Protein backbone atom coordinates (compact mmCIF):
# COMPACT_ATOMS: atom_id res chain seq x y z
CA MET A 1 -0.10 -1.20 -5.75
CA GLU A 2 2.10 1.06 -3.65
CA LYS A 3 -0.24 3.83 -1.61
CA ASP A 4 0.98 6.56 0.25
CA ILE A 5 -1.19 8.81 2.09
CA HIS A 6 0.52 10.88 4.64
CA ASP A 7 -1.83 11.98 7.97
CA SER A 8 -1.12 14.76 10.24
CA ALA A 9 -2.13 12.64 13.27
CA GLN A 10 -0.19 13.01 16.27
CA GLU A 11 2.20 10.35 17.30
CA ASP A 12 1.49 9.09 20.48
CA PHE A 13 3.59 7.12 22.77
CA GLU A 14 3.04 3.71 23.47
CA PHE A 15 4.53 0.94 25.91
CA ASP A 16 2.77 -1.88 23.45
CA GLY A 17 3.75 -2.13 20.24
CA GLN A 18 2.46 -3.92 17.47
CA VAL A 19 0.96 -4.40 17.38
CA SER A 20 0.12 -2.69 19.84
CA ASP A 21 -0.96 0.26 19.37
CA GLY A 22 -3.69 1.52 20.23
CA GLU A 23 -6.32 0.10 22.67
CA ASN A 24 -8.54 1.42 24.66
CA PRO A 25 -7.19 1.20 28.44
CA PHE A 26 -11.05 0.62 29.56
CA SER A 27 -11.05 -2.58 27.37
CA ASP A 28 -9.60 -4.39 30.17
CA PRO A 29 -12.90 -5.74 32.42
CA ILE A 30 -10.05 -5.34 35.46
CA LEU A 31 -10.15 -1.26 34.50
CA GLU A 32 -12.28 0.53 36.15
CA ALA A 33 -12.75 4.79 35.58
CA GLU A 34 -12.50 7.44 37.75
CA LYS A 35 -13.84 10.47 36.44
CA GLU A 36 -12.24 14.13 37.88
CA ILE A 37 -13.68 17.79 36.29
CA PHE A 38 -10.98 21.00 37.00
CA GLU A 39 -9.17 23.86 34.98
CA LEU A 40 -5.79 24.59 33.68
CA PRO A 41 -3.48 27.72 33.58
CA GLU A 42 -4.34 29.28 30.59
CA GLY A 43 -1.93 28.61 27.96
CA ILE A 44 -0.37 25.34 28.98
CA ARG A 45 -0.58 22.38 26.72
CA LEU A 46 -3.15 19.84 27.74
CA ASP A 47 -0.57 16.46 28.09
CA VAL A 48 1.57 19.05 29.92
CA GLY A 49 -0.93 20.40 32.43
CA VAL A 50 -2.81 17.15 33.14
CA THR A 51 0.23 15.32 33.57
CA ASP A 52 0.81 17.87 36.02
CA ARG A 53 -2.21 17.63 38.15
CA LEU A 54 -2.44 13.73 37.88
CA GLY A 55 0.55 13.41 38.88
CA LYS A 56 0.85 10.34 36.35
CA SER A 57 3.81 10.22 33.59
CA ARG A 58 3.46 12.51 30.33
CA SER A 59 3.59 9.63 28.23
CA PHE A 60 0.43 7.79 30.13
CA VAL A 61 -1.70 11.22 29.59
CA GLN A 62 -0.96 11.38 26.14
CA GLY A 63 -2.44 7.45 25.82
CA LEU A 64 -5.34 8.85 27.48
CA ILE A 65 -5.93 11.88 25.68
CA ALA A 66 -5.10 9.24 22.29
CA GLN A 67 -7.87 7.70 23.15
CA GLU A 68 -10.32 10.16 24.14
CA CYS A 69 -10.49 9.76 27.54
CA ILE A 70 -9.55 12.74 28.65
CA LYS A 71 -11.84 16.27 27.17
CA VAL A 72 -11.95 19.88 27.00
CA ASN A 73 -15.64 21.58 27.05
CA GLY A 74 -16.95 18.24 25.98
CA PHE A 75 -14.65 17.44 23.18
CA PRO A 76 -11.49 15.92 22.84
CA LYS A 77 -8.52 17.47 21.69
CA LYS A 78 -5.05 16.83 21.06
CA ALA A 79 -2.22 17.25 23.39
CA ASN A 80 -0.85 19.97 22.07
CA TYR A 81 -4.10 22.10 22.57
CA LYS A 82 -3.48 24.71 24.43
CA VAL A 83 -5.54 25.46 27.41
CA ARG A 84 -7.93 28.48 27.30
CA GLN A 85 -9.80 30.33 30.14
CA GLY A 86 -12.62 28.81 31.24
CA ASP A 87 -11.40 25.32 29.89
CA LYS A 88 -13.48 22.41 31.92
CA ILE A 89 -10.81 19.84 31.53
CA GLU A 90 -12.34 16.27 31.60
CA VAL A 91 -10.31 13.39 32.58
CA GLU A 92 -11.02 9.65 32.65
CA SER A 93 -8.53 7.59 34.19
CA PRO A 94 -8.13 3.99 34.21
CA ILE A 95 -8.20 2.28 38.15
CA LEU A 96 -6.45 -0.80 38.43
CA ARG A 97 -7.96 -3.85 40.22
CA GLU A 98 -6.13 -6.83 41.45
CA SER A 99 -5.18 -9.20 38.81
CA THR A 100 -5.94 -12.95 39.10
CA THR A 101 -3.60 -14.52 36.73
CA GLU A 102 -1.76 -17.61 37.44
CA PRO A 103 1.39 -19.10 36.96
CA GLU A 104 1.56 -21.81 34.70
CA ASN A 105 3.68 -24.27 33.79
CA ILE A 106 3.97 -23.41 29.74
CA PRO A 107 6.84 -24.77 27.69
CA LEU A 108 8.53 -21.08 26.13
CA HIS A 109 10.44 -21.26 23.11
CA ILE A 110 13.54 -18.87 24.44
CA LEU A 111 15.52 -17.74 21.66
CA TYR A 112 17.50 -15.67 24.57
CA GLU A 113 17.24 -14.61 28.22
CA ASP A 114 19.45 -12.60 30.63
CA GLU A 115 18.82 -10.50 33.96
CA ASP A 116 16.88 -7.92 31.54
CA VAL A 117 15.07 -9.57 28.93
CA LEU A 118 13.75 -12.18 27.54
CA VAL A 119 13.22 -13.17 23.95
CA VAL A 120 10.72 -15.72 22.84
CA ASN A 121 9.16 -17.01 19.70
CA LYS A 122 5.29 -17.45 20.76
CA PRO A 123 3.72 -20.08 18.58
CA GLN A 124 0.27 -19.69 16.43
CA GLY A 125 -2.53 -19.45 18.76
CA MET A 126 -1.29 -18.48 21.42
CA VAL A 127 -2.85 -14.91 23.28
CA VAL A 128 -0.22 -12.84 24.73
CA HIS A 129 -2.10 -11.52 27.30
CA PRO A 130 -5.19 -12.14 29.50
CA ALA A 131 -8.44 -10.84 28.55
CA PRO A 132 -12.37 -11.70 27.61
CA GLY A 133 -12.86 -15.20 26.23
CA ALA A 134 -8.77 -16.19 27.37
CA TRP A 135 -8.24 -15.73 30.66
CA THR A 136 -5.73 -18.79 30.91
CA GLY A 137 -3.02 -20.23 29.00
CA THR A 138 -1.58 -16.74 27.42
CA MET A 139 2.22 -15.34 27.70
CA VAL A 140 1.71 -13.85 30.75
CA ASN A 141 0.77 -16.79 32.17
CA ALA A 142 3.71 -18.86 30.44
CA LEU A 143 6.33 -15.39 31.60
CA LEU A 144 4.72 -15.61 35.18
CA PHE A 145 6.10 -19.53 35.86
CA HIS A 146 9.26 -19.12 33.90
CA CYS A 147 10.62 -15.73 35.97
CA HIS A 148 10.81 -14.35 39.38
CA ASN A 149 10.48 -10.43 38.24
CA LEU A 150 8.60 -8.55 34.91
CA SER A 151 8.38 -5.27 34.62
CA GLY A 152 5.35 -3.88 36.01
CA ILE A 153 5.13 -1.11 33.95
CA ASN A 154 1.86 -2.19 31.58
CA GLY A 155 -0.18 -3.27 34.45
CA VAL A 156 -1.06 -6.41 36.25
CA LEU A 157 -2.64 -8.22 33.18
CA ARG A 158 0.53 -7.91 30.59
CA PRO A 159 3.74 -7.67 33.16
CA GLY A 160 6.91 -7.33 31.07
CA ILE A 161 4.32 -7.15 27.73
CA VAL A 162 6.44 -4.20 25.53
CA HIS A 163 4.80 -4.68 22.25
CA ARG A 164 2.50 -7.90 20.84
CA ILE A 165 1.76 -9.53 17.86
CA ASP A 166 -2.12 -10.93 17.39
CA LYS A 167 -3.21 -14.52 18.78
CA ASP A 168 -2.93 -16.19 15.64
CA THR A 169 0.47 -14.56 14.31
CA SER A 170 3.15 -16.66 15.56
CA GLY A 171 7.03 -15.17 16.17
CA ILE A 172 9.81 -13.14 18.14
CA LEU A 173 8.33 -11.56 20.79
CA VAL A 174 11.04 -9.33 23.78
CA VAL A 175 10.02 -9.01 27.09
CA ALA A 176 11.02 -6.64 30.10
CA LYS A 177 11.92 -8.05 33.05
CA ASN A 178 12.67 -5.11 34.87
CA ASP A 179 11.38 -1.23 34.30
CA ILE A 180 14.26 -0.03 33.58
CA ALA A 181 14.24 -2.41 30.17
CA HIS A 182 10.82 -1.76 29.57
CA GLN A 183 11.25 2.03 29.66
CA GLY A 184 14.49 1.38 27.38
CA LEU A 185 12.82 -0.54 24.56
CA ALA A 186 10.08 1.18 24.39
CA VAL A 187 11.58 4.38 24.14
CA GLN A 188 12.98 2.15 20.91
CA LEU A 189 9.50 1.72 19.81
CA LYS A 190 8.56 4.73 19.98
CA GLU A 191 10.95 6.18 17.84
CA HIS A 192 11.00 3.39 15.14
CA THR A 193 14.24 1.61 15.75
CA MET A 194 13.49 -1.65 16.78
CA ALA A 195 14.07 -3.67 13.22
CA ARG A 196 10.77 -5.80 12.89
CA LYS A 197 10.23 -7.85 10.13
CA TYR A 198 7.58 -10.55 8.93
CA LEU A 199 6.42 -12.64 6.67
CA ALA A 200 3.15 -13.24 5.36
CA LEU A 201 1.60 -15.16 2.63
CA VAL A 202 -1.35 -13.09 0.37
CA HIS A 203 -3.97 -13.57 -1.77
CA GLY A 204 -3.17 -12.46 -5.33
CA VAL A 205 0.15 -11.99 -7.18
CA VAL A 206 1.20 -9.15 -6.39
CA LEU A 207 3.60 -7.00 -9.34
CA GLU A 208 6.14 -4.55 -7.95
CA PRO A 209 9.21 -5.90 -6.63
CA SER A 210 8.65 -3.47 -3.56
CA GLY A 211 6.51 -1.22 -1.93
CA THR A 212 5.00 1.20 1.00
CA VAL A 213 2.21 1.36 2.35
CA ASP A 214 1.84 5.04 4.37
CA ALA A 215 -2.18 5.37 5.89
CA PRO A 216 -3.33 6.23 8.85
CA ILE A 217 -5.11 3.50 11.08
CA GLY A 218 -8.20 3.95 13.55
CA ARG A 219 -11.29 1.95 14.64
CA ASP A 220 -13.06 0.93 11.73
CA PRO A 221 -16.36 3.65 12.23
CA SER A 222 -18.97 0.35 11.22
CA ASP A 223 -17.17 -2.31 13.03
CA ARG A 224 -15.69 -1.04 16.83
CA LYS A 225 -13.47 -3.88 16.70
CA LYS A 226 -12.11 -3.78 13.83
CA MET A 227 -9.53 -1.54 12.24
CA ALA A 228 -9.64 -0.20 9.18
CA VAL A 229 -7.52 3.12 6.98
CA VAL A 230 -9.40 5.98 8.43
CA MET A 231 -8.49 9.99 8.15
CA HIS A 232 -10.38 10.71 10.84
CA HIS A 233 -9.19 9.53 14.90
CA SER A 234 -6.52 7.89 13.47
CA LYS A 235 -2.31 7.15 14.12
CA SER A 236 -0.42 7.15 10.67
CA ALA A 237 0.99 3.70 9.98
CA VAL A 238 3.56 3.04 7.83
CA THR A 239 4.42 -0.86 6.10
CA HIS A 240 7.01 -1.55 3.81
CA TYR A 241 7.18 -4.85 1.73
CA THR A 242 9.01 -6.90 -0.62
CA VAL A 243 8.19 -10.07 -3.04
CA LEU A 244 10.28 -12.65 -2.23
CA GLU A 245 8.10 -15.59 -3.87
CA ARG A 246 5.67 -15.45 -6.52
CA PHE A 247 3.15 -18.36 -6.87
CA SER A 248 -0.23 -18.28 -9.77
CA ASP A 249 -2.43 -16.65 -7.17
CA THR A 250 -0.74 -16.18 -4.01
CA SER A 251 2.75 -14.45 -3.17
CA TYR A 252 5.26 -14.42 -0.27
CA LEU A 253 5.78 -11.17 1.61
CA GLU A 254 8.74 -9.59 3.96
CA VAL A 255 6.85 -6.86 5.40
CA ARG A 256 8.58 -4.37 8.07
CA LEU A 257 7.17 -2.17 10.17
CA GLU A 258 8.17 1.36 10.18
CA THR A 259 5.28 1.78 12.91
CA GLY A 260 3.36 -0.59 15.06
CA ARG A 261 -0.11 0.25 14.53
CA THR A 262 -2.94 -2.85 16.25
CA HIS A 263 -3.61 -5.26 13.53
CA GLN A 264 -0.87 -3.41 11.49
CA ILE A 265 0.15 -5.34 8.56
CA ARG A 266 -3.47 -7.42 7.62
CA VAL A 267 -5.40 -3.64 7.88
CA HIS A 268 -2.71 -2.59 5.00
CA MET A 269 -2.72 -5.19 3.05
CA VAL A 270 -6.40 -5.55 2.66
CA TYR A 271 -5.93 -1.62 1.78
CA VAL A 272 -4.01 -2.44 -0.97
CA LYS A 273 -5.85 -5.87 -2.21
CA HIS A 274 -3.89 -8.13 -1.00
CA PRO A 275 -5.51 -9.31 2.41
CA VAL A 276 -3.17 -12.31 4.07
CA LEU A 277 -3.52 -15.74 3.01
CA GLY A 278 -6.44 -17.58 6.07
CA ASP A 279 -6.86 -13.77 7.94
CA PRO A 280 -10.48 -14.77 9.41
CA VAL A 281 -11.19 -11.39 10.02
CA TYR A 282 -10.27 -8.82 7.08
CA GLY A 283 -9.76 -11.62 4.58
CA PRO A 284 -11.74 -13.41 2.13
CA LYS A 285 -14.20 -15.95 4.99
CA ARG A 286 -12.84 -19.13 2.61
CA ASN A 287 -9.78 -19.87 1.02
CA LYS A 288 -9.06 -22.85 -1.36
CA TYR A 289 -6.56 -24.31 1.88
CA GLY A 290 -9.30 -24.17 4.12
CA LEU A 291 -7.04 -22.49 7.09
CA ASN A 292 -8.87 -20.45 9.59
CA ARG A 293 -5.63 -18.87 10.98
CA GLN A 294 -3.21 -15.71 8.79
CA MET A 295 -0.06 -16.93 7.27
CA LEU A 296 1.66 -13.84 9.40
CA HIS A 297 4.80 -15.12 11.38
CA ALA A 298 7.31 -12.53 12.85
CA ALA A 299 10.46 -13.89 11.49
CA HIS A 300 12.72 -11.64 13.17
CA LEU A 301 13.19 -8.68 15.21
CA GLY A 302 15.93 -6.59 16.08
CA PHE A 303 16.99 -3.65 19.00
CA GLU A 304 19.72 -2.18 21.23
CA HIS A 305 19.96 -4.19 24.56
CA PRO A 306 18.77 -1.55 27.23
CA ARG A 307 21.49 -1.77 29.45
CA SER A 308 24.16 -2.81 27.64
CA GLY A 309 23.16 -0.93 24.34
CA ILE A 310 24.45 -3.75 22.27
CA TRP A 311 22.48 -4.04 19.18
CA LEU A 312 21.20 -7.86 19.07
CA GLU A 313 18.86 -10.02 16.41
CA PHE A 314 16.89 -12.76 16.55
CA ASP A 315 15.83 -14.70 13.70
CA ALA A 316 13.20 -17.17 13.84
CA PRO A 317 11.75 -19.74 11.34
CA VAL A 318 7.85 -19.71 9.91
CA PRO A 319 6.17 -22.90 11.74
CA LYS A 320 5.34 -26.05 9.89
CA THR A 321 1.80 -25.16 8.76
CA PHE A 322 3.40 -22.25 6.65
CA ALA A 323 6.30 -23.56 5.65
CA THR A 324 4.41 -26.72 4.28
CA LEU A 325 1.62 -24.52 2.34
CA ILE A 326 5.03 -22.45 0.96
CA GLU A 327 6.36 -25.79 -0.05
CA LYS A 328 2.39 -26.36 -1.71
CA LEU A 329 2.58 -23.39 -3.23
CA ARG A 330 5.68 -23.84 -5.05
CA ASN A 331 4.99 -27.55 -5.59
CA GLU A 332 1.52 -26.55 -7.57
CA SER A 333 3.48 -23.39 -9.47
CA HIS A 334 6.11 -26.12 -10.77
CA TRP A 335 3.57 -27.82 -12.49
CA ARG A 336 1.23 -25.13 -14.12
């Protein structure tokens, strides 16, 4: 079952990790684009030259390059492209408008909190940050009520959000209360030193005890709302899995993320023909358990505290619906 596909795609810095990963900065309706066309000195790296010209951070510019918001003579280039004489550099930069996100008194399951970070166990069904169709009731609305200060690096719609998990994925998130904490956590995401483990129920019996899926992920060319394993305009993605239990037609996996791309686990599991049970987007349209939300849970998170340097680890049990289904599968397998 193991798949290994290596890609030379550039690894780009992303403050939004998992799940995180790879979204267009202009998908947010409160962002407008400002277009600028200019020339740069011959021989300079594209990301370095644009960073100097715009006065922005290099990571921000690399994010624009990854999303093809920076073009050379009308065509996207990689960050390390060496500018040639006469090249026309076209940049579309996001302009942030005022946010209307309001604090809401929504209970949070807090696992840990200090002056720098907040670790929460997000319930299944909760959106992490406001977006079309979900402007209220999000994790950000709850955080704004609970915290007096949050990191502002990711803008007014995503205060404190360092990485995300999907709406219908439950589990652990770390939130930054200030920019220093945010930067420290973001570096760990970039360097893949943050430990992230998920629990998943997937279709089919996975025969190998463990394996690795190494396959690049990008926008699905046939459906831009979905992600897929693609060779072009993609980013490297690596997922490790271990089988915890096997049932008659389902497997229970522990999944470890090495990278954090949008929908990474769900896309990789489909790629190896074992979609996550209940996944309404990437899995079968129907399942015999009547699930309409994926059985995927962010169960473990470990990171170095951005101020003290102490290694912290947190675990969260699967939600009740997940646990009940596991018991049902065990009972069904026992009687076969």
